[in-house]
Amino acid sequence: MRAMKPLRSGINVSTNAGSNARTSPDLADQQKQLTVRSHWVCDDHSIEHRLTKVKHPWTNGQVERMNRTIKEATVKRFHYDDHAQLKKHLADFIDAYNFGRRLKTLKGLTPYEFICRRWTLEPDRFIIDPIHQMPGLNT
């Protein structure tokens, strides 16, 4: 694992650095290729790609919990006729979550409010002003 510099975009991607299970050489090679490809995509979009520690699955718990929340709110409750319908509903859910859902872990703030407060305290950690990302008439 390499040392990481401070966040610039406020976006993180977390993936497993290793696995407890034994894998075949072909599967291991596919996993390495996927990791390399995801790293390239992250670099292209100025997203910091962090790896979780090997044999420490609890470090990935927040990602897994959010994935479960999204799944419960979308594919487990609704039937989608096509991929575009799912994509639209997923975008609507993420917007509602980020701009409307108050979270205990953020002391009652929505994720958007939390990011705006962090921006006012540490603007140098951000590439763009998050206040300009507010949904409204101009979006």
Protein backbone atom coordinates (compact mmCIF):
# COMPACT_ATOMS: atom_id res chain seq x y z
CA MET A 1 0.00 0.00 0.00
CA ARG A 2 1.29 3.48 -0.81
CA ALA A 3 1.12 6.65 1.28
CA MET A 4 -1.79 8.91 0.43
CA LYS A 5 -1.76 12.68 0.18
CA PRO A 6 -4.67 14.69 1.68
CA LEU A 7 -7.97 14.66 -0.16
CA ARG A 8 -8.52 17.29 -2.81
CA SER A 9 -11.92 16.31 -4.16
CA GLY A 10 -13.75 15.10 -1.08
CA ILE A 11 -14.52 11.82 -2.90
CA ASN A 12 -13.12 8.45 -1.85
CA VAL A 13 -13.36 4.99 -3.30
CA SER A 14 -12.62 2.06 -1.05
CA THR A 15 -11.73 -1.41 -2.32
CA ASN A 16 -10.29 -4.50 -0.72
CA ALA A 17 -6.51 -4.83 -0.91
CA GLY A 18 -6.70 -8.58 -0.48
CA SER A 19 -8.92 -11.50 0.31
CA ASN A 20 -9.05 -14.22 2.97
CA ALA A 21 -10.26 -16.80 0.45
CA ARG A 22 -7.93 -18.75 -1.83
CA THR A 23 -8.45 -17.95 -5.48
CA SER A 24 -7.43 -19.59 -8.72
CA PRO A 25 -4.62 -17.92 -10.71
CA ASP A 26 -7.12 -16.79 -13.37
CA LEU A 27 -9.41 -15.19 -10.77
CA ALA A 28 -6.49 -13.56 -8.97
CA ASP A 29 -5.30 -12.11 -12.29
CA GLN A 30 -8.80 -10.76 -13.02
CA GLN A 31 -8.92 -9.13 -9.56
CA LYS A 32 -5.55 -7.45 -10.17
CA GLN A 33 -6.72 -6.17 -13.57
CA LEU A 34 -9.91 -4.80 -12.02
CA THR A 35 -7.91 -3.00 -9.31
CA VAL A 36 -5.60 -1.47 -11.93
CA ARG A 37 -8.55 -0.38 -14.10
CA SER A 38 -10.41 1.13 -11.13
CA HIS A 39 -7.24 3.02 -10.17
CA TRP A 40 -7.00 4.48 -13.69
CA VAL A 41 -10.66 5.55 -13.63
CA CYS A 42 -10.16 7.19 -10.24
CA ASP A 43 -7.08 9.04 -11.50
CA ASP A 44 -8.94 10.24 -14.59
CA HIS A 45 -11.67 11.75 -12.37
CA SER A 46 -9.42 13.13 -9.58
CA ILE A 47 -10.78 10.60 -7.08
CA GLU A 48 -8.49 9.23 -4.39
CA HIS A 49 -8.49 5.42 -4.47
CA ARG A 50 -7.80 3.95 -1.03
CA LEU A 51 -7.30 0.29 -0.26
CA THR A 52 -8.64 -1.39 2.86
CA LYS A 53 -6.26 -3.48 4.92
CA VAL A 54 -5.95 -7.18 4.15
CA LYS A 55 -7.89 -9.38 6.63
CA HIS A 56 -9.63 -6.34 8.15
CA PRO A 57 -13.18 -6.51 6.73
CA TRP A 58 -14.61 -4.13 9.33
CA THR A 59 -12.77 -1.22 7.66
CA ASN A 60 -15.07 -1.70 4.69
CA GLY A 61 -18.22 -1.72 6.86
CA GLN A 62 -19.45 1.79 6.01
CA VAL A 63 -19.26 1.09 2.29
CA GLU A 64 -21.12 -2.21 2.71
CA ARG A 65 -23.79 -0.54 4.88
CA MET A 66 -24.39 2.19 2.31
CA ASN A 67 -24.60 -0.40 -0.46
CA ARG A 68 -27.24 -2.26 1.60
CA THR A 69 -29.21 0.96 2.17
CA ILE A 70 -29.25 1.70 -1.56
CA LYS A 71 -30.23 -1.87 -2.44
CA GLU A 72 -33.09 -1.90 0.09
CA ALA A 73 -34.44 1.39 -1.26
CA THR A 74 -34.26 0.41 -4.92
CA VAL A 75 -33.99 -3.13 -6.30
CA LYS A 76 -35.58 -4.86 -3.31
CA ARG A 77 -38.66 -2.62 -3.41
CA PHE A 78 -39.24 -1.92 -7.09
CA HIS A 79 -39.24 -3.70 -10.41
CA TYR A 80 -37.47 -1.90 -13.24
CA ASP A 81 -38.38 -2.49 -16.87
CA ASP A 82 -34.94 -1.43 -18.08
CA HIS A 83 -31.57 -0.17 -16.93
CA ALA A 84 -32.45 3.48 -17.66
CA GLN A 85 -35.38 3.30 -15.23
CA LEU A 86 -33.13 1.91 -12.47
CA LYS A 87 -30.48 4.54 -13.22
CA LYS A 88 -33.04 7.37 -12.91
CA HIS A 89 -34.48 6.03 -9.65
CA LEU A 90 -30.98 5.51 -8.21
CA ALA A 91 -30.00 9.11 -9.05
CA ASP A 92 -33.20 10.39 -7.40
CA PHE A 93 -32.56 8.28 -4.29
CA ILE A 94 -28.95 9.48 -3.96
CA ASP A 95 -30.06 13.12 -4.31
CA ALA A 96 -32.79 12.65 -1.69
CA TYR A 97 -30.30 10.95 0.65
CA ASN A 98 -27.54 13.55 0.23
CA PHE A 99 -29.77 16.63 0.46
CA GLY A 100 -32.59 15.48 2.74
CA ARG A 101 -31.55 12.65 5.07
CA ARG A 102 -30.32 13.79 8.47
CA LEU A 103 -27.78 11.40 9.97
CA LYS A 104 -26.91 10.80 13.62
CA THR A 105 -23.25 10.21 12.74
CA LEU A 106 -23.13 13.74 11.27
CA LYS A 107 -24.80 15.25 14.37
CA GLY A 108 -28.15 15.70 12.64
CA LEU A 109 -26.78 17.24 9.44
CA THR A 110 -27.48 16.01 5.93
CA PRO A 111 -24.39 14.82 4.01
CA TYR A 112 -24.59 17.99 1.89
CA GLU A 113 -24.74 20.26 4.96
CA PHE A 114 -21.79 18.41 6.48
CA ILE A 115 -19.70 18.87 3.30
CA CYS A 116 -20.58 22.60 3.20
CA ARG A 117 -19.47 23.03 6.81
CA ARG A 118 -16.22 21.17 6.13
CA TRP A 119 -15.68 23.42 3.11
CA THR A 120 -16.02 26.56 5.24
CA LEU A 121 -13.44 25.17 7.72
CA GLU A 122 -11.00 23.65 5.20
CA PRO A 123 -11.59 25.07 1.70
CA ASP A 124 -8.12 24.01 0.50
CA ARG A 125 -9.21 20.33 0.65
CA PHE A 126 -11.78 20.89 -2.11
CA ILE A 127 -11.39 21.47 -5.83
CA ILE A 128 -14.82 23.14 -6.25
CA ASP A 129 -17.17 25.02 -3.97
CA PRO A 130 -19.83 22.48 -2.86
CA ILE A 131 -22.41 25.27 -2.51
CA HIS A 132 -22.48 25.39 -6.32
CA GLN A 133 -23.66 21.75 -6.34
CA MET A 134 -26.97 22.59 -4.66
CA PRO A 135 -29.89 21.33 -6.78
CA GLY A 136 -32.29 23.96 -7.96
CA LEU A 137 -33.48 26.00 -10.88
CA ASN A 138 -30.08 26.15 -12.58
CA THR A 139 -29.33 22.42 -12.52
